[in-house]
Amino acid sequence: MKSYGHKTFKINRNLEAQCYMEDTRYGFRHLASLYYKNQNIADAKCCYYNRTWEAYEFQSVLEKLADNVTRVLSPRQVRNLKKYIENYHERDSFLNTISMVAKMGAILAPDQKSKNDFQTRILKAGLENRGLIMPDNWDELSEDEKEKRLDGAIGAIENV
């Protein structure tokens, strides 16, 4: 399978998580491996059929990885890992920028369709290479339903 979107999370000098994505027959999945002093000590995966609304890319698989290492790492190391995962989004200001631009464009849009089109373009431009997958039937949805979903996505980004 083709893997893409590789990202390394350096937790501390001895601990790092390596994450990537793979396409599957039914969608895609996020995979993560945790390395302690360059030795693989745990793995985790999360499968998705359509899309994910994580606060940041690989959030869910990292949380699952942290749950898988309670027998391998000390309680202090597990707490530090979970704290790193919980607070990582604070370092991902790129998401804040996308949210801000999408909201500004919505204010300036003359009607609901223009607002939805603008916000869709912003989310696609900023997040398509970071795991965003728009629903296959997006163009068939009503403008009200699009607005509801876009507001939910932007709200998830803001609550990061």
Protein backbone atom coordinates (compact mmCIF):
# COMPACT_ATOMS: atom_id res chain seq x y z
CA MET A 1 0.00 0.00 0.00
CA LYS A 2 1.08 3.54 -0.66
CA SER A 3 1.90 5.53 2.46
CA TYR A 4 1.95 9.31 2.61
CA GLY A 5 1.71 12.25 4.99
CA HIS A 6 4.61 11.09 7.16
CA LYS A 7 5.04 13.15 10.32
CA THR A 8 7.32 12.72 13.32
CA PHE A 9 6.32 13.95 16.77
CA LYS A 10 9.39 14.44 18.95
CA ILE A 11 8.01 14.05 22.48
CA ASN A 12 11.38 14.27 24.27
CA ARG A 13 14.98 13.26 23.61
CA ASN A 14 14.20 9.54 24.04
CA LEU A 15 10.62 9.28 22.81
CA GLU A 16 9.15 9.99 19.39
CA ALA A 17 6.08 8.93 17.45
CA GLN A 18 6.16 8.42 13.72
CA CYS A 19 2.81 8.67 11.93
CA TYR A 20 1.65 8.21 8.37
CA MET A 21 -1.45 7.53 6.29
CA GLU A 22 -2.35 4.69 3.96
CA ASP A 23 -5.21 4.27 1.54
CA THR A 24 -7.41 1.25 2.12
CA ARG A 25 -10.08 -0.43 0.04
CA TYR A 26 -12.80 1.41 1.96
CA GLY A 27 -11.12 4.73 2.85
CA PHE A 28 -7.85 5.43 4.61
CA ARG A 29 -6.08 4.84 7.90
CA HIS A 30 -3.64 6.59 10.20
CA LEU A 31 -0.81 4.49 11.59
CA ALA A 32 1.58 5.38 14.38
CA SER A 33 4.68 3.81 15.89
CA LEU A 34 6.22 4.88 19.17
CA TYR A 35 9.99 4.71 19.52
CA TYR A 36 11.89 4.78 22.80
CA LYS A 37 15.62 5.28 22.26
CA ASN A 38 15.12 4.34 18.58
CA GLN A 39 13.39 1.04 19.41
CA ASN A 40 9.78 0.46 18.39
CA ILE A 41 7.78 -0.16 21.57
CA ALA A 42 4.18 0.24 20.38
CA ASP A 43 1.97 0.64 17.32
CA ALA A 44 -1.57 1.86 16.74
CA LYS A 45 -3.96 2.46 13.86
CA CYS A 46 -7.25 4.22 13.26
CA CYS A 47 -9.34 3.48 10.17
CA TYR A 48 -11.59 6.03 8.48
CA TYR A 49 -14.16 5.53 5.76
CA ASN A 50 -14.67 9.09 4.62
CA ARG A 51 -13.02 11.82 6.70
CA THR A 52 -11.83 12.79 10.14
CA TRP A 53 -12.47 15.97 12.12
CA GLU A 54 -9.49 15.81 14.40
CA ALA A 55 -8.12 18.94 16.02
CA TYR A 56 -4.81 18.17 14.34
CA GLU A 57 -3.60 15.48 11.99
CA PHE A 58 -2.99 12.10 13.69
CA GLN A 59 -4.62 13.14 17.00
CA SER A 60 -6.77 10.02 17.33
CA VAL A 61 -4.05 7.53 16.47
CA LEU A 62 -1.64 9.23 18.88
CA GLU A 63 -4.23 9.01 21.67
CA LYS A 64 -4.71 5.32 20.91
CA LEU A 65 -0.93 4.85 20.90
CA ALA A 66 -0.70 6.44 24.36
CA ASP A 67 -3.29 3.99 25.64
CA ASN A 68 -1.25 1.07 24.23
CA VAL A 69 1.95 1.86 26.15
CA THR A 70 0.76 1.78 29.76
CA ARG A 71 2.59 -1.52 30.32
CA VAL A 72 5.75 -0.49 28.47
CA LEU A 73 6.43 3.00 29.84
CA SER A 74 6.48 4.27 33.39
CA PRO A 75 3.37 6.10 34.65
CA ARG A 76 5.30 9.40 34.49
CA GLN A 77 6.32 8.78 30.87
CA VAL A 78 2.72 7.90 29.96
CA ARG A 79 1.47 11.11 31.64
CA ASN A 80 4.07 13.15 29.72
CA LEU A 81 3.10 11.49 26.45
CA LYS A 82 -0.61 12.14 27.02
CA LYS A 83 0.11 15.74 28.01
CA TYR A 84 2.16 16.23 24.84
CA ILE A 85 -0.69 14.83 22.71
CA GLU A 86 -3.29 16.94 24.51
CA ASN A 87 -1.30 20.16 24.15
CA TYR A 88 0.15 19.59 20.68
CA HIS A 89 -2.59 21.61 18.98
CA GLU A 90 -1.31 24.76 20.67
CA ARG A 91 1.78 24.49 18.50
CA ASP A 92 -0.28 24.02 15.32
CA SER A 93 -1.15 27.67 14.62
CA PHE A 94 -1.72 26.84 10.95
CA LEU A 95 -5.19 25.58 11.88
CA ASN A 96 -5.96 28.85 13.65
CA THR A 97 -5.06 30.75 10.49
CA ILE A 98 -7.37 28.60 8.35
CA SER A 99 -10.23 29.13 10.79
CA MET A 100 -9.69 32.88 10.88
CA VAL A 101 -9.56 33.25 7.08
CA ALA A 102 -12.66 31.07 6.63
CA LYS A 103 -14.61 33.16 9.15
CA MET A 104 -13.48 36.47 7.63
CA GLY A 105 -14.55 35.36 4.17
CA ALA A 106 -17.94 34.35 5.53
CA ILE A 107 -18.46 37.85 6.92
CA LEU A 108 -17.72 39.42 3.54
CA ALA A 109 -19.79 37.00 1.46
CA PRO A 110 -22.98 38.50 0.00
CA ASP A 111 -25.08 35.32 0.38
CA GLN A 112 -25.07 31.83 1.85
CA LYS A 113 -23.87 30.09 -1.33
CA SER A 114 -20.91 32.47 -1.69
CA LYS A 115 -20.05 31.99 1.98
CA ASN A 116 -20.19 28.20 1.66
CA ASP A 117 -18.13 28.21 -1.55
CA PHE A 118 -15.47 30.44 0.02
CA GLN A 119 -15.21 28.38 3.21
CA THR A 120 -15.05 25.16 1.20
CA ARG A 121 -12.18 26.54 -0.91
CA ILE A 122 -10.29 27.66 2.20
CA LEU A 123 -10.68 24.31 3.96
CA LYS A 124 -9.67 22.39 0.84
CA ALA A 125 -6.67 24.61 0.16
CA GLY A 126 -5.42 24.44 3.72
CA LEU A 127 -6.34 20.96 4.85
CA GLU A 128 -6.58 18.64 1.86
CA ASN A 129 -2.94 17.53 2.29
CA ARG A 130 -3.48 17.25 6.06
CA GLY A 131 -6.21 14.62 5.98
CA LEU A 132 -9.37 16.50 4.95
CA ILE A 133 -11.58 14.54 2.61
CA MET A 134 -14.79 16.16 1.46
CA PRO A 135 -17.88 13.92 1.21
CA ASP A 136 -18.47 12.40 -2.21
CA ASN A 137 -21.93 13.95 -2.38
CA TRP A 138 -20.82 17.45 -1.28
CA ASP A 139 -22.10 19.18 -4.43
CA GLU A 140 -25.52 17.56 -3.99
CA LEU A 141 -26.07 18.84 -0.44
CA SER A 142 -28.34 21.79 0.24
CA GLU A 143 -26.71 25.10 1.13
CA ASP A 144 -28.16 24.82 4.65
CA GLU A 145 -26.57 21.39 5.14
CA LYS A 146 -23.24 22.64 3.74
CA GLU A 147 -23.34 25.60 6.13
CA LYS A 148 -24.05 23.29 9.08
CA ARG A 149 -21.15 20.99 8.20
CA LEU A 150 -18.73 23.82 7.46
CA ASP A 151 -19.61 25.52 10.74
CA GLY A 152 -18.96 22.20 12.51
CA ALA A 153 -15.57 21.77 10.85
CA ILE A 154 -14.52 25.35 11.54
CA GLY A 155 -15.82 25.03 15.10
CA ALA A 156 -13.70 21.91 15.60
CA ILE A 157 -10.65 23.83 14.39
CA GLU A 158 -11.41 26.75 16.73
CA ASN A 159 -11.85 24.49 19.74
CA VAL A 160 -8.36 23.15 19.30
